């Protein structure tokens, strides 16, 4: 398989990087007590105050957090130096969720395979095709015993955790357990309710 052989092009509005509160187990009680706008600002500050935290896994110069021994989540690559750092960390495959940047040209030099799956961070429901593209690429990549997968977007806050959630779900994790794993390793990950629902709908559709 050649680099760049996988892609899903999604058209949408200009990308948004604001942080949406996860309406989940940890936040439900607070969400009923605090006005939504105040909660959104509070969580945004809380998340980005931790922006230098890279989780409990191994680190490189990249914004990359290992959530399992073979799957990492993080932010944009952007330049050749960061791509070289990923290659040194053993990354063999990349799922690039950025609508802003295609990693394929940077990856070719290192023989890293890229699935460019550009998705707008617009807090709108995501279709099954978005998840199919990344999940099928990720499953195929992980069939190789030495393969390591990096899933990223621009900041590693919304889109990359969303795709990682879908991949782990197909691999047998419950949605809640997968969210706990990702958030535990990468505290800046933020699961917007609409994205979680999109993943749940996708997993139900797969049977």
Foldseek 3Di string as FASTA:
>chain_A
DAAPPAEDDDDDDAADDQAAAACDDVCVVVPVVDDRVVVSVVVRCVLVVCLVAQFDDDDWPFSWFDLDPFEIFWADQPDLVSLVRVVVVQAQEEEEQAPPDDCRVSNNVSNHHYHDYHDGNPLAADALVSLVRLQVVVVVQVVDVSHHYYYYYHGRAEDSLLSQLLNVVVVPDDSVVSVCSVCNGRVSHHYHHNSSVNSVVSSVVVD
